[in-house]
Protein backbone atom coordinates (compact mmCIF):
# COMPACT_ATOMS: atom_id res chain seq x y z
CA MET A 1 -36.96 -41.44 -36.89
CA ARG A 2 -34.23 -42.56 -34.52
CA ASN A 3 -33.77 -40.52 -31.34
CA PRO A 4 -30.37 -41.35 -29.78
CA THR A 5 -31.19 -39.74 -26.43
CA ARG A 6 -34.46 -41.62 -26.12
CA ASP A 7 -32.85 -44.84 -27.25
CA GLU A 8 -30.06 -44.54 -24.68
CA ALA A 9 -32.52 -43.69 -21.90
CA LEU A 10 -34.56 -46.74 -22.85
CA ARG A 11 -31.45 -48.96 -22.72
CA TRP A 12 -30.66 -47.77 -19.18
CA LEU A 13 -34.27 -48.09 -18.04
CA THR A 14 -34.65 -51.56 -19.54
CA HIS A 15 -31.55 -52.74 -17.73
CA ALA A 16 -32.76 -51.14 -14.48
CA LEU A 17 -36.08 -52.97 -14.76
CA ASP A 18 -34.36 -56.27 -15.48
CA GLU A 19 -31.98 -55.78 -12.57
CA PHE A 20 -34.91 -54.95 -10.28
CA GLY A 21 -36.59 -58.21 -11.26
CA ASP A 22 -33.41 -60.16 -10.56
CA ALA A 23 -33.01 -58.40 -7.21
CA ASP A 24 -36.55 -59.28 -6.22
CA ASP A 25 -35.94 -62.92 -7.15
CA LEU A 26 -32.86 -62.87 -4.91
CA ARG A 27 -34.88 -61.27 -2.11
CA GLU A 28 -37.50 -64.00 -2.35
CA ARG A 29 -34.75 -66.64 -2.20
CA GLY A 30 -33.31 -65.09 0.98
CA ARG A 31 -30.12 -63.84 -0.71
CA PHE A 32 -30.54 -60.44 0.92
CA TYR A 33 -27.01 -59.09 0.52
CA LEU A 34 -27.19 -59.55 -3.24
CA ALA A 35 -30.76 -58.29 -3.44
CA LEU A 36 -29.84 -55.12 -1.54
CA PHE A 37 -26.95 -54.36 -3.88
CA HIS A 38 -29.05 -54.94 -7.00
CA PHE A 39 -31.93 -52.80 -5.69
CA GLN A 40 -29.38 -49.98 -5.30
CA GLN A 41 -28.14 -50.65 -8.82
CA ALA A 42 -31.65 -50.67 -10.29
CA ALA A 43 -32.43 -47.29 -8.71
CA GLU A 44 -29.08 -45.87 -9.85
CA LYS A 45 -29.58 -46.97 -13.44
CA ALA A 46 -33.17 -45.76 -13.57
CA LEU A 47 -32.11 -42.30 -12.37
CA LYS A 48 -29.35 -42.28 -14.97
CA ALA A 49 -31.96 -43.10 -17.62
CA PHE A 50 -33.98 -40.06 -16.56
CA LEU A 51 -30.94 -37.81 -16.36
CA TYR A 52 -29.65 -38.96 -19.72
CA THR A 53 -32.61 -37.18 -21.34
CA HIS A 54 -31.83 -33.90 -19.55
CA LEU A 55 -28.08 -33.49 -19.12
CA LYS A 56 -25.73 -32.91 -21.98
CA SER A 57 -22.78 -33.75 -19.78
CA ALA A 58 -21.39 -37.14 -18.90
CA GLN A 59 -21.17 -36.04 -15.24
CA VAL A 60 -24.07 -38.28 -14.31
CA PHE A 61 -22.03 -41.33 -15.17
CA TYR A 62 -19.19 -40.50 -12.80
CA THR A 63 -21.21 -41.25 -9.70
CA HIS A 64 -22.86 -44.37 -8.39
CA SER A 65 -24.66 -42.53 -5.60
CA VAL A 66 -28.43 -42.73 -5.67
CA GLY A 67 -28.44 -39.69 -3.38
CA GLU A 68 -26.37 -37.58 -5.78
CA LEU A 69 -28.39 -38.71 -8.79
CA LEU A 70 -31.63 -38.04 -6.96
CA LYS A 71 -30.45 -34.52 -6.15
CA MET A 72 -29.71 -33.92 -9.85
CA ALA A 73 -33.11 -35.32 -10.85
CA SER A 74 -34.86 -33.17 -8.21
CA GLU A 75 -33.26 -30.04 -9.67
CA ILE A 76 -34.85 -30.92 -13.01
CA ASP A 77 -38.20 -32.20 -11.73
CA SER A 78 -39.48 -31.49 -8.23
CA ASP A 79 -41.47 -34.75 -8.18
CA PHE A 80 -38.20 -36.53 -7.37
CA GLN A 81 -38.02 -34.65 -4.05
CA GLU A 82 -40.73 -37.00 -2.77
CA LEU A 83 -38.21 -39.87 -3.02
CA GLN A 84 -35.53 -38.43 -0.74
CA ASN A 85 -35.62 -41.51 1.51
CA VAL A 86 -34.28 -43.70 -1.31
CA LYS A 87 -30.81 -42.22 -0.85
CA LYS A 88 -30.59 -44.85 1.91
CA LEU A 89 -29.95 -47.36 -0.87
CA ASP A 90 -26.40 -45.98 -1.11
CA ARG A 91 -25.48 -47.86 2.04
CA TYR A 92 -25.74 -51.09 0.04
CA TYR A 93 -23.26 -50.16 -2.69
CA ILE A 94 -20.03 -51.32 -1.01
CA PRO A 95 -20.74 -53.25 2.23
CA THR A 96 -22.99 -55.81 0.57
CA ARG A 97 -20.17 -56.87 -1.77
CA TYR A 98 -16.87 -56.71 0.07
CA PRO A 99 -15.90 -58.12 3.47
CA ASN A 100 -13.49 -55.21 3.95
CA GLY A 101 -16.42 -52.85 3.39
CA LEU A 102 -18.03 -54.32 6.50
CA PRO A 103 -15.37 -54.37 9.22
CA GLY A 104 -15.57 -57.55 11.25
CA GLY A 105 -18.41 -59.00 9.20
CA VAL A 106 -19.19 -61.07 6.17
CA PRO A 107 -21.80 -59.46 3.88
CA SER A 108 -23.51 -62.73 2.99
CA ARG A 109 -24.05 -63.38 6.70
CA HIS A 110 -24.53 -59.83 7.98
CA PHE A 111 -27.40 -58.79 5.72
CA ASP A 112 -30.03 -61.25 6.92
CA ASP A 113 -33.11 -59.11 7.54
CA PRO A 114 -36.05 -59.81 5.20
CA GLN A 115 -37.71 -56.53 6.20
CA GLU A 116 -34.61 -54.56 5.23
CA ALA A 117 -34.68 -56.21 1.80
CA LEU A 118 -38.41 -55.55 1.45
CA ASP A 119 -37.89 -51.88 2.33
CA ALA A 120 -35.08 -51.61 -0.24
CA MET A 121 -37.32 -53.24 -2.83
CA LYS A 122 -40.05 -50.67 -2.17
CA MET A 123 -37.58 -47.79 -2.42
CA ALA A 124 -36.18 -49.04 -5.73
CA LYS A 125 -39.69 -49.71 -7.05
CA GLY A 126 -40.64 -46.10 -6.27
CA VAL A 127 -37.71 -44.78 -8.27
CA LEU A 128 -38.37 -47.06 -11.22
CA GLY A 129 -42.05 -46.18 -11.22
CA LEU A 130 -41.44 -42.43 -11.26
CA VAL A 131 -38.72 -42.66 -13.89
CA GLU A 132 -40.96 -44.81 -16.13
CA GLU A 133 -43.76 -42.28 -15.75
CA LYS A 134 -41.51 -39.35 -16.57
CA LEU A 135 -39.82 -40.98 -19.54
CA ARG A 136 -43.11 -42.09 -21.03
CA GLY A 137 -44.37 -38.51 -20.81
CA GLU A 138 -41.21 -36.80 -22.01
CA THR A 139 -39.85 -39.11 -24.66
CA GLY A 140 -42.81 -41.21 -25.72
CA LEU A 141 -41.35 -44.42 -24.37
CA GLU A 142 -43.84 -47.22 -24.69
CA GLU A 143 -45.19 -49.06 -21.67
């Protein structure tokens, strides 16, 4: 039997996982500004996948903030409180993409720290891992 909520959550999670893989490829190639943005996006989309199964409102889709989404997820499941540090990913949403989001700098030249990209990868991976675990348990999503 088709479950629209589960199906939609799976679509969001699948895209988040794919985007994470692309971000990690970019990180390994030294394209840190792009990797940072896509790690933020992967975490955002994974949290939206989780929230899609719990909220009847479209409010979750009006924000791109990992911090705001994490707060919503934490109100539903306290396990998400352990990930509070991942709200740092929000700092990569605008400045990694637009020169005017980084006064006096050029994103492709400014974001040049491999450790920063590795840290962002670990944060995003933590979100994706917890969301996968929760969705498998709640909706029967396959591994």
